[in-house]
PDB file of N, CA and C in Angstrom:
ATOM      1  N   MET A   1     105.486 -15.227  18.871  1.00  0.00           N
ATOM      2  CA  MET A   1     104.231 -15.615  19.483  1.00  0.00           C
ATOM      3  C   MET A   1     104.490 -16.848  20.355  1.00  0.00           C
ATOM      4  N   SER A   2     103.904 -16.872  21.553  1.00  0.00           N
ATOM      5  CA  SER A   2     104.128 -17.997  22.456  1.00  0.00           C
ATOM      6  C   SER A   2     103.406 -19.243  21.955  1.00  0.00           C
ATOM      7  N   ALA A   3     103.795 -20.386  22.488  1.00  0.00           N
ATOM      8  CA  ALA A   3     103.189 -21.647  22.072  1.00  0.00           C
ATOM      9  C   ALA A   3     101.698 -21.680  22.376  1.00  0.00           C
ATOM     10  N   ALA A   4     101.255 -20.956  23.420  1.00  0.00           N
ATOM     11  CA  ALA A   4      99.848 -20.970  23.807  1.00  0.00           C
ATOM     12  C   ALA A   4      99.006 -19.997  22.993  1.00  0.00           C
ATOM     13  N   ALA A   5      99.632 -19.054  22.294  1.00  0.00           N
ATOM     14  CA  ALA A   5      98.880 -18.038  21.546  1.00  0.00           C
ATOM     15  C   ALA A   5      98.272 -18.651  20.290  1.00  0.00           C
ATOM     16  N   THR A   6      97.024 -18.330  20.021  1.00  0.00           N
ATOM     17  CA  THR A   6      96.358 -18.810  18.811  1.00  0.00           C
ATOM     18  C   THR A   6      96.058 -17.675  17.850  1.00  0.00           C
ATOM     19  N   TYR A   7      96.227 -16.452  18.296  1.00  0.00           N
ATOM     20  CA  TYR A   7      95.938 -15.292  17.458  1.00  0.00           C
ATOM     21  C   TYR A   7      96.807 -14.135  17.905  1.00  0.00           C
ATOM     22  N   ARG A   8      97.276 -13.362  16.939  1.00  0.00           N
ATOM     23  CA  ARG A   8      98.070 -12.186  17.276  1.00  0.00           C
ATOM     24  C   ARG A   8      97.789 -11.108  16.251  1.00  0.00           C
ATOM     25  N   ALA A   9      97.559  -9.901  16.737  1.00  0.00           N
ATOM     26  CA  ALA A   9      97.300  -8.765  15.852  1.00  0.00           C
ATOM     27  C   ALA A   9      97.649  -7.500  16.597  1.00  0.00           C
ATOM     28  N   PHE A  10      97.838  -6.434  15.850  1.00  0.00           N
ATOM     29  CA  PHE A  10      98.056  -5.120  16.430  1.00  0.00           C
ATOM     30  C   PHE A  10      96.791  -4.316  16.199  1.00  0.00           C
ATOM     31  N   LEU A  11      96.257  -3.727  17.259  1.00  0.00           N
ATOM     32  CA  LEU A  11      95.050  -2.925  17.187  1.00  0.00           C
ATOM     33  C   LEU A  11      95.382  -1.500  17.589  1.00  0.00           C
ATOM     34  N   SER A  12      94.748  -0.547  16.939  1.00  0.00           N
ATOM     35  CA  SER A  12      94.960   0.858  17.272  1.00  0.00           C
ATOM     36  C   SER A  12      93.836   1.346  18.163  1.00  0.00           C
ATOM     37  N   LEU A  13      94.203   2.094  19.179  1.00  0.00           N
ATOM     38  CA  LEU A  13      93.187   2.710  20.027  1.00  0.00           C
ATOM     39  C   LEU A  13      92.513   3.831  19.239  1.00  0.00           C
ATOM     40  N   GLN A  14      91.205   3.886  19.339  1.00  0.00           N
ATOM     41  CA  GLN A  14      90.438   4.918  18.661  1.00  0.00           C
ATOM     42  C   GLN A  14      90.107   6.010  19.674  1.00  0.00           C
ATOM     43  N   GLY A  15      89.309   6.975  19.251  1.00  0.00           N
ATOM     44  CA  GLY A  15      88.908   8.051  20.154  1.00  0.00           C
ATOM     45  C   GLY A  15      88.340   7.512  21.451  1.00  0.00           C
ATOM     46  N   ARG A  16      88.567   8.252  22.531  1.00  0.00           N
ATOM     47  CA  ARG A  16      88.103   7.888  23.870  1.00  0.00           C
ATOM     48  C   ARG A  16      88.605   6.520  24.323  1.00  0.00           C
ATOM     49  N   GLY A  17      89.710   6.062  23.731  1.00  0.00           N
ATOM     50  CA  GLY A  17      90.311   4.808  24.172  1.00  0.00           C
ATOM     51  C   GLY A  17      89.604   3.554  23.690  1.00  0.00           C
ATOM     52  N   LEU A  18      88.756   3.661  22.695  1.00  0.00           N
ATOM     53  CA  LEU A  18      88.045   2.491  22.183  1.00  0.00           C
ATOM     54  C   LEU A  18      88.987   1.557  21.445  1.00  0.00           C
ATOM     55  N   LEU A  19      88.747   0.278  21.613  1.00  0.00           N
ATOM     56  CA  LEU A  19      89.543  -0.757  20.967  1.00  0.00           C
ATOM     57  C   LEU A  19      88.574  -1.694  20.264  1.00  0.00           C
ATOM     58  N   ALA A  20      88.713  -1.860  18.955  1.00  0.00           N
ATOM     59  CA  ALA A  20      87.808  -2.714  18.194  1.00  0.00           C
ATOM     60  C   ALA A  20      88.469  -4.058  17.921  1.00  0.00           C
ATOM     61  N   LEU A  21      87.839  -5.132  18.383  1.00  0.00           N
ATOM     62  CA  LEU A  21      88.339  -6.474  18.099  1.00  0.00           C
ATOM     63  C   LEU A  21      87.890  -6.872  16.697  1.00  0.00           C
ATOM     64  N   PRO A  22      88.723  -7.588  15.954  1.00  0.00           N
ATOM     65  CA  PRO A  22      88.337  -8.025  14.615  1.00  0.00           C
ATOM     66  C   PRO A  22      87.081  -8.907  14.663  1.00  0.00           C
ATOM     67  N   PRO A  23      86.227  -8.811  13.640  1.00  0.00           N
ATOM     68  CA  PRO A  23      84.972  -9.572  13.620  1.00  0.00           C
ATOM     69  C   PRO A  23      85.149 -11.078  13.807  1.00  0.00           C
ATOM     70  N   ASP A  24      86.182 -11.670  13.196  1.00  0.00           N
ATOM     71  CA  ASP A  24      86.364 -13.118  13.332  1.00  0.00           C
ATOM     72  C   ASP A  24      86.713 -13.500  14.766  1.00  0.00           C
ATOM     73  N   VAL A  25      87.435 -12.655  15.475  1.00  0.00           N
ATOM     74  CA  VAL A  25      87.767 -12.916  16.876  1.00  0.00           C
ATOM     75  C   VAL A  25      86.504 -12.791  17.729  1.00  0.00           C
ATOM     76  N   ARG A  26      85.729 -11.733  17.500  1.00  0.00           N
ATOM     77  CA  ARG A  26      84.477 -11.554  18.258  1.00  0.00           C
ATOM     78  C   ARG A  26      83.571 -12.759  18.073  1.00  0.00           C
ATOM     79  N   LYS A  27      83.433 -13.218  16.835  1.00  0.00           N
ATOM     80  CA  LYS A  27      82.551 -14.357  16.565  1.00  0.00           C
ATOM     81  C   LYS A  27      83.068 -15.627  17.236  1.00  0.00           C
ATOM     82  N   ARG A  28      84.357 -15.905  17.077  1.00  0.00           N
ATOM     83  CA  ARG A  28      84.944 -17.118  17.648  1.00  0.00           C
ATOM     84  C   ARG A  28      84.802 -17.174  19.164  1.00  0.00           C
ATOM     85  N   LEU A  29      84.886 -16.006  19.814  1.00  0.00           N
ATOM     86  CA  LEU A  29      84.817 -15.963  21.280  1.00  0.00           C
ATOM     87  C   LEU A  29      83.411 -15.701  21.808  1.00  0.00           C
ATOM     88  N   GLY A  30      82.440 -15.615  20.902  1.00  0.00           N
ATOM     89  CA  GLY A  30      81.067 -15.390  21.334  1.00  0.00           C
ATOM     90  C   GLY A  30      80.810 -13.968  21.791  1.00  0.00           C
ATOM     91  N   LEU A  31      81.646 -13.037  21.340  1.00  0.00           N
ATOM     92  CA  LEU A  31      81.493 -11.643  21.747  1.00  0.00           C
ATOM     93  C   LEU A  31      80.674 -10.835  20.744  1.00  0.00           C
ATOM     94  N   ASP A  32      80.079 -11.520  19.783  1.00  0.00           N
ATOM     95  CA  ASP A  32      79.274 -10.842  18.772  1.00  0.00           C
ATOM     96  C   ASP A  32      77.793 -10.840  19.127  1.00  0.00           C
ATOM     97  N   VAL A  33      77.487 -11.054  20.399  1.00  0.00           N
ATOM     98  CA  VAL A  33      76.097 -11.061  20.862  1.00  0.00           C
ATOM     99  C   VAL A  33      75.871  -9.862  21.784  1.00  0.00           C
ATOM    100  N   PRO A  34      74.661  -9.332  21.775  1.00  0.00           N
ATOM    101  CA  PRO A  34      74.376  -8.204  22.673  1.00  0.00           C
ATOM    102  C   PRO A  34      74.638  -8.581  24.128  1.00  0.00           C
ATOM    103  N   GLY A  35      75.252  -7.692  24.855  1.00  0.00           N
ATOM    104  CA  GLY A  35      75.507  -7.920  26.270  1.00  0.00           C
ATOM    105  C   GLY A  35      76.831  -8.582  26.575  1.00  0.00           C
ATOM    106  N   ALA A  36      77.543  -9.049  25.546  1.00  0.00           N
ATOM    107  CA  ALA A  36      78.849  -9.670  25.791  1.00  0.00           C
ATOM    108  C   ALA A  36      79.789  -8.622  26.374  1.00  0.00           C
ATOM    109  N   GLN A  37      80.647  -9.063  27.260  1.00  0.00           N
ATOM    110  CA  GLN A  37      81.585  -8.156  27.909  1.00  0.00           C
ATOM    111  C   GLN A  37      82.990  -8.717  27.835  1.00  0.00           C
ATOM    112  N   VAL A  38      83.957  -7.835  28.011  1.00  0.00           N
ATOM    113  CA  VAL A  38      85.361  -8.222  28.067  1.00  0.00           C
ATOM    114  C   VAL A  38      85.928  -7.717  29.388  1.00  0.00           C
ATOM    115  N   GLU A  39      86.490  -8.631  30.149  1.00  0.00           N
ATOM    116  CA  GLU A  39      87.148  -8.252  31.400  1.00  0.00           C
ATOM    117  C   GLU A  39      88.564  -7.778  31.066  1.00  0.00           C
ATOM    118  N   VAL A  40      88.978  -6.665  31.641  1.00  0.00           N
ATOM    119  CA  VAL A  40      90.326  -6.128  31.442  1.00  0.00           C
ATOM    120  C   VAL A  40      91.117  -6.380  32.721  1.00  0.00           C
ATOM    121  N   VAL A  41      92.250  -7.056  32.577  1.00  0.00           N
ATOM    122  CA  VAL A  41      93.104  -7.365  33.723  1.00  0.00           C
ATOM    123  C   VAL A  41      94.483  -6.789  33.448  1.00  0.00           C
ATOM    124  N   GLU A  42      94.924  -5.910  34.328  1.00  0.00           N
ATOM    125  CA  GLU A  42      96.276  -5.362  34.232  1.00  0.00           C
ATOM    126  C   GLU A  42      97.154  -6.138  35.206  1.00  0.00           C
ATOM    127  N   ARG A  43      98.105  -6.874  34.657  1.00  0.00           N
ATOM    128  CA  ARG A  43      98.984  -7.679  35.495  1.00  0.00           C
ATOM    129  C   ARG A  43     100.151  -6.851  36.003  1.00  0.00           C
ATOM    130  N   GLU A  44     100.790  -7.339  37.066  1.00  0.00           N
ATOM    131  CA  GLU A  44     101.941  -6.640  37.657  1.00  0.00           C
ATOM    132  C   GLU A  44     103.104  -6.508  36.684  1.00  0.00           C
ATOM    133  N   ASP A  45     103.199  -7.433  35.719  1.00  0.00           N
ATOM    134  CA  ASP A  45     104.314  -7.372  34.763  1.00  0.00           C
ATOM    135  C   ASP A  45     104.025  -6.440  33.587  1.00  0.00           C
ATOM    136  N   GLY A  46     102.929  -5.673  33.652  1.00  0.00           N
ATOM    137  CA  GLY A  46     102.605  -4.704  32.617  1.00  0.00           C
ATOM    138  C   GLY A  46     101.768  -5.235  31.473  1.00  0.00           C
ATOM    139  N   VAL A  47     101.468  -6.509  31.489  1.00  0.00           N
ATOM    140  CA  VAL A  47     100.642  -7.102  30.438  1.00  0.00           C
ATOM    141  C   VAL A  47      99.176  -6.790  30.717  1.00  0.00           C
ATOM    142  N   VAL A  48      98.463  -6.397  29.687  1.00  0.00           N
ATOM    143  CA  VAL A  48      97.025  -6.165  29.798  1.00  0.00           C
ATOM    144  C   VAL A  48      96.330  -7.346  29.126  1.00  0.00           C
ATOM    145  N   GLU A  49      95.493  -8.040  29.872  1.00  0.00           N
ATOM    146  CA  GLU A  49      94.768  -9.191  29.341  1.00  0.00           C
ATOM    147  C   GLU A  49      93.313  -8.805  29.096  1.00  0.00           C
ATOM    148  N   LEU A  50      92.783  -9.271  27.988  1.00  0.00           N
ATOM    149  CA  LEU A  50      91.354  -9.123  27.692  1.00  0.00           C
ATOM    150  C   LEU A  50      90.752 -10.513  27.770  1.00  0.00           C
ATOM    151  N   ARG A  51      89.783 -10.686  28.665  1.00  0.00           N
ATOM    152  CA  ARG A  51      89.171 -11.996  28.863  1.00  0.00           C
ATOM    153  C   ARG A  51      87.693 -11.915  28.509  1.00  0.00           C
ATOM    154  N   PRO A  52      87.262 -12.680  27.504  1.00  0.00           N
ATOM    155  CA  PRO A  52      85.852 -12.626  27.106  1.00  0.00           C
ATOM    156  C   PRO A  52      84.942 -13.118  28.223  1.00  0.00           C
ATOM    157  N   GLN A  53      83.878 -12.393  28.431  1.00  0.00           N
ATOM    158  CA  GLN A  53      82.867 -12.777  29.418  1.00  0.00           C
ATOM    159  C   GLN A  53      81.527 -12.776  28.686  1.00  0.00           C
ATOM    160  N   VAL A  54      81.016 -13.933  28.409  1.00  0.00           N
ATOM    161  CA  VAL A  54      79.782 -14.052  27.661  1.00  0.00           C
ATOM    162  C   VAL A  54      78.630 -14.126  28.650  1.00  0.00           C
ATOM    163  N   PRO A  55      77.521 -13.418  28.376  1.00  0.00           N
ATOM    164  CA  PRO A  55      76.423 -13.399  29.331  1.00  0.00           C
ATOM    165  C   PRO A  55      75.792 -14.765  29.581  1.00  0.00           C
ATOM    166  N   VAL A  56      75.937 -15.683  28.646  1.00  0.00           N
ATOM    167  CA  VAL A  56      75.392 -17.030  28.793  1.00  0.00           C
ATOM    168  C   VAL A  56      76.548 -18.006  28.611  1.00  0.00           C
ATOM    169  N   PRO A  57      76.685 -18.982  29.520  1.00  0.00           N
ATOM    170  CA  PRO A  57      77.747 -19.970  29.333  1.00  0.00           C
ATOM    171  C   PRO A  57      77.630 -20.643  27.965  1.00  0.00           C
ATOM    172  N   ALA A  58      78.756 -20.908  27.333  1.00  0.00           N
ATOM    173  CA  ALA A  58      78.758 -21.468  25.982  1.00  0.00           C
ATOM    174  C   ALA A  58      77.939 -22.741  25.876  1.00  0.00           C
ATOM    175  N   GLY A  59      77.964 -23.563  26.905  1.00  0.00           N
ATOM    176  CA  GLY A  59      77.207 -24.808  26.883  1.00  0.00           C
ATOM    177  C   GLY A  59      75.701 -24.622  26.924  1.00  0.00           C
ATOM    178  N   GLN A  60      75.254 -23.409  27.243  1.00  0.00           N
ATOM    179  CA  GLN A  60      73.820 -23.128  27.299  1.00  0.00           C
ATOM    180  C   GLN A  60      73.378 -22.167  26.198  1.00  0.00           C
ATOM    181  N   ALA A  61      74.285 -21.779  25.335  1.00  0.00           N
ATOM    182  CA  ALA A  61      73.966 -20.795  24.297  1.00  0.00           C
ATOM    183  C   ALA A  61      72.877 -21.280  23.354  1.00  0.00           C
ATOM    184  N   TRP A  62      72.804 -22.594  23.095  1.00  0.00           N
ATOM    185  CA  TRP A  62      71.783 -23.127  22.199  1.00  0.00           C
ATOM    186  C   TRP A  62      70.388 -22.748  22.663  1.00  0.00           C
ATOM    187  N   PHE A  63      70.189 -22.712  23.981  1.00  0.00           N
ATOM    188  CA  PHE A  63      68.863 -22.422  24.538  1.00  0.00           C
ATOM    189  C   PHE A  63      68.412 -21.012  24.193  1.00  0.00           C
ATOM    190  N   TRP A  64      69.346 -20.097  24.022  1.00  0.00           N
ATOM    191  CA  TRP A  64      69.005 -18.697  23.801  1.00  0.00           C
ATOM    192  C   TRP A  64      69.013 -18.291  22.336  1.00  0.00           C
ATOM    193  N   THR A  65      69.153 -19.272  21.425  1.00  0.00           N
ATOM    194  CA  THR A  65      69.061 -18.937  20.008  1.00  0.00           C
ATOM    195  C   THR A  65      67.630 -18.539  19.679  1.00  0.00           C
ATOM    196  N   HIS A  66      67.460 -17.759  18.608  1.00  0.00           N
ATOM    197  CA  HIS A  66      66.119 -17.326  18.202  1.00  0.00           C
ATOM    198  C   HIS A  66      65.223 -18.528  17.912  1.00  0.00           C
ATOM    199  N   GLU A  67      65.779 -19.547  17.263  1.00  0.00           N
ATOM    200  CA  GLU A  67      64.989 -20.731  16.917  1.00  0.00           C
ATOM    201  C   GLU A  67      64.482 -21.445  18.168  1.00  0.00           C
ATOM    202  N   TRP A  68      65.375 -21.638  19.127  1.00  0.00           N
ATOM    203  CA  TRP A  68      64.972 -22.369  20.329  1.00  0.00           C
ATOM    204  C   TRP A  68      63.969 -21.553  21.147  1.00  0.00           C
ATOM    205  N   GLN A  69      64.184 -20.267  21.243  1.00  0.00           N
ATOM    206  CA  GLN A  69      63.253 -19.431  21.991  1.00  0.00           C
ATOM    207  C   GLN A  69      61.879 -19.413  21.327  1.00  0.00           C
ATOM    208  N   ALA A  70      61.821 -19.507  19.996  1.00  0.00           N
ATOM    209  CA  ALA A  70      60.535 -19.603  19.302  1.00  0.00           C
ATOM    210  C   ALA A  70      59.825 -20.898  19.704  1.00  0.00           C
ATOM    211  N   ARG A  71      60.562 -21.976  19.819  1.00  0.00           N
ATOM    212  CA  ARG A  71      59.981 -23.257  20.256  1.00  0.00           C
ATOM    213  C   ARG A  71      59.505 -23.172  21.703  1.00  0.00           C
ATOM    214  N   GLU A  72      60.278 -22.481  22.538  1.00  0.00           N
ATOM    215  CA  GLU A  72      59.873 -22.309  23.942  1.00  0.00           C
ATOM    216  C   GLU A  72      58.552 -21.529  24.031  1.00  0.00           C
ATOM    217  N   ARG A  73      58.432 -20.462  23.225  1.00  0.00           N
ATOM    218  CA  ARG A  73      57.179 -19.684  23.221  1.00  0.00           C
ATOM    219  C   ARG A  73      56.015 -20.535  22.744  1.00  0.00           C
ATOM    220  N   GLU A  74      56.247 -21.341  21.712  1.00  0.00           N
ATOM    221  CA  GLU A  74      55.204 -22.225  21.191  1.00  0.00           C
ATOM    222  C   GLU A  74      54.771 -23.225  22.266  1.00  0.00           C
ATOM    223  N   ALA A  75      55.731 -23.799  22.953  1.00  0.00           N
ATOM    224  CA  ALA A  75      55.409 -24.756  24.021  1.00  0.00           C
ATOM    225  C   ALA A  75      54.625 -24.069  25.138  1.00  0.00           C
ATOM    226  N   GLN A  76      55.004 -22.848  25.492  1.00  0.00           N
ATOM    227  CA  GLN A  76      54.295 -22.115  26.539  1.00  0.00           C
ATOM    228  C   GLN A  76      52.866 -21.818  26.120  1.00  0.00           C
ATOM    229  N   GLU A  77      52.666 -21.478  24.852  1.00  0.00           N
ATOM    230  CA  GLU A  77      51.313 -21.226  24.344  1.00  0.00           C
ATOM    231  C   GLU A  77      50.457 -22.484  24.432  1.00  0.00           C
ATOM    232  N   GLU A  78      51.027 -23.622  24.080  1.00  0.00           N
ATOM    233  CA  GLU A  78      50.304 -24.902  24.189  1.00  0.00           C
ATOM    234  C   GLU A  78      49.945 -25.181  25.646  1.00  0.00           C
ATOM    235  N   PHE A  79      50.886 -24.957  26.523  1.00  0.00           N
ATOM    236  CA  PHE A  79      50.648 -25.173  27.951  1.00  0.00           C
ATOM    237  C   PHE A  79      49.555 -24.247  28.462  1.00  0.00           C
ATOM    238  N   ASP A  80      49.655 -22.950  28.114  1.00  0.00           N
ATOM    239  CA  ASP A  80      48.667 -21.967  28.565  1.00  0.00           C
ATOM    240  C   ASP A  80      47.274 -22.290  28.048  1.00  0.00           C
ATOM    241  N   ALA A  81      47.195 -22.907  26.853  1.00  0.00           N
ATOM    242  CA  ALA A  81      45.906 -23.264  26.258  1.00  0.00           C
ATOM    243  C   ALA A  81      45.372 -24.585  26.810  1.00  0.00           C
ATOM    244  N   GLY A  82      46.139 -25.238  27.666  1.00  0.00           N
ATOM    245  CA  GLY A  82      45.685 -26.485  28.273  1.00  0.00           C
ATOM    246  C   GLY A  82      45.881 -27.704  27.397  1.00  0.00           C
ATOM    247  N   ARG A  83      46.637 -27.581  26.332  1.00  0.00           N
ATOM    248  CA  ARG A  83      46.874 -28.712  25.431  1.00  0.00           C
ATOM    249  C   ARG A  83      48.105 -29.496  25.902  1.00  0.00           C
ATOM    250  N   VAL A  84      47.986 -30.053  27.096  1.00  0.00           N
ATOM    251  CA  VAL A  84      49.078 -30.821  27.693  1.00  0.00           C
ATOM    252  C   VAL A  84      48.518 -32.058  28.365  1.00  0.00           C
ATOM    253  N   THR A  85      49.379 -33.009  28.579  1.00  0.00           N
ATOM    254  CA  THR A  85      49.024 -34.200  29.337  1.00  0.00           C
ATOM    255  C   THR A  85      49.956 -34.259  30.537  1.00  0.00           C
ATOM    256  N   THR A  86      49.399 -34.450  31.697  1.00  0.00           N
ATOM    257  CA  THR A  86      50.229 -34.552  32.895  1.00  0.00           C
ATOM    258  C   THR A  86      50.185 -35.975  33.434  1.00  0.00           C
ATOM    259  N   TYR A  87      51.223 -36.339  34.151  1.00  0.00           N
ATOM    260  CA  TYR A  87      51.344 -37.668  34.730  1.00  0.00           C
ATOM    261  C   TYR A  87      51.703 -37.511  36.199  1.00  0.00           C
ATOM    262  N   PRO A  88      51.205 -38.388  37.038  1.00  0.00           N
ATOM    263  CA  PRO A  88      51.474 -38.254  38.469  1.00  0.00           C
ATOM    264  C   PRO A  88      52.938 -38.521  38.839  1.00  0.00           C
ATOM    265  N   ASP A  89      53.621 -39.297  37.998  1.00  0.00           N
ATOM    266  CA  ASP A  89      55.020 -39.595  38.287  1.00  0.00           C
ATOM    267  C   ASP A  89      55.723 -40.092  37.029  1.00  0.00           C
ATOM    268  N   GLY A  90      57.010 -40.311  37.139  1.00  0.00           N
ATOM    269  CA  GLY A  90      57.805 -40.760  35.995  1.00  0.00           C
ATOM    270  C   GLY A  90      57.406 -42.128  35.483  1.00  0.00           C
ATOM    271  N   ASP A  91      57.007 -43.011  36.395  1.00  0.00           N
ATOM    272  CA  ASP A  91      56.595 -44.352  35.965  1.00  0.00           C
ATOM    273  C   ASP A  91      55.357 -44.287  35.082  1.00  0.00           C
ATOM    274  N   ALA A  92      54.395 -43.456  35.462  1.00  0.00           N
ATOM    275  CA  ALA A  92      53.180 -43.319  34.661  1.00  0.00           C
ATOM    276  C   ALA A  92      53.522 -42.774  33.264  1.00  0.00           C
ATOM    277  N   PHE A  93      54.440 -41.832  33.217  1.00  0.00           N
ATOM    278  CA  PHE A  93      54.869 -41.301  31.926  1.00  0.00           C
ATOM    279  C   PHE A  93      55.514 -42.406  31.085  1.00  0.00           C
ATOM    280  N   LEU A  94      56.425 -43.167  31.680  1.00  0.00           N
ATOM    281  CA  LEU A  94      57.097 -44.234  30.941  1.00  0.00           C
ATOM    282  C   LEU A  94      56.095 -45.286  30.485  1.00  0.00           C
ATOM    283  N   ASP A  95      55.129 -45.590  31.322  1.00  0.00           N
ATOM    284  CA  ASP A  95      54.103 -46.568  30.930  1.00  0.00           C
ATOM    285  C   ASP A  95      53.311 -46.068  29.721  1.00  0.00           C
ATOM    286  N   SER A  96      53.092 -44.749  29.638  1.00  0.00           N
ATOM    287  CA  SER A  96      52.318 -44.193  28.520  1.00  0.00           C
ATOM    288  C   SER A  96      53.084 -44.322  27.198  1.00  0.00           C
ATOM    289  N   LEU A  97      54.379 -44.422  27.244  1.00  0.00           N
ATOM    290  CA  LEU A  97      55.156 -44.549  26.022  1.00  0.00           C
ATOM    291  C   LEU A  97      55.001 -45.906  25.380  1.00  0.00           C
ATOM    292  N   GLY A  98      54.605 -46.894  26.152  1.00  0.00           N
ATOM    293  CA  GLY A  98      54.427 -48.234  25.627  1.00  0.00           C
ATOM    294  C   GLY A  98      53.126 -48.421  24.861  1.00  0.00           C
ATOM    295  N   ASP A  99      52.243 -47.417  24.946  1.00  0.00           N
ATOM    296  CA  ASP A  99      50.933 -47.530  24.261  1.00  0.00           C
ATOM    297  C   ASP A  99      51.064 -47.423  22.779  1.00  0.00           C
TER     298      ASP A  99
END
């Protein structure tokens, strides 16, 4: 295994050429979510690379969790019901925090 490799396994191709990644690898790479994709790259030297492509950048994944989306819906309901306070600018908002 090369110095850069962090995981190595042998996988068997299933019917119709399907390849199943181990669950721990899928989870670690964020491929255990609906819509996750894997890019297949065939290099000139005969190496086939699988590159995880997650539908949401990892740094933004928190926003799409069920918990956070529930909070977003709750906030939207409050907004739609008119239970909000608006400020003409940032200074007015900051001034309101001193109250």
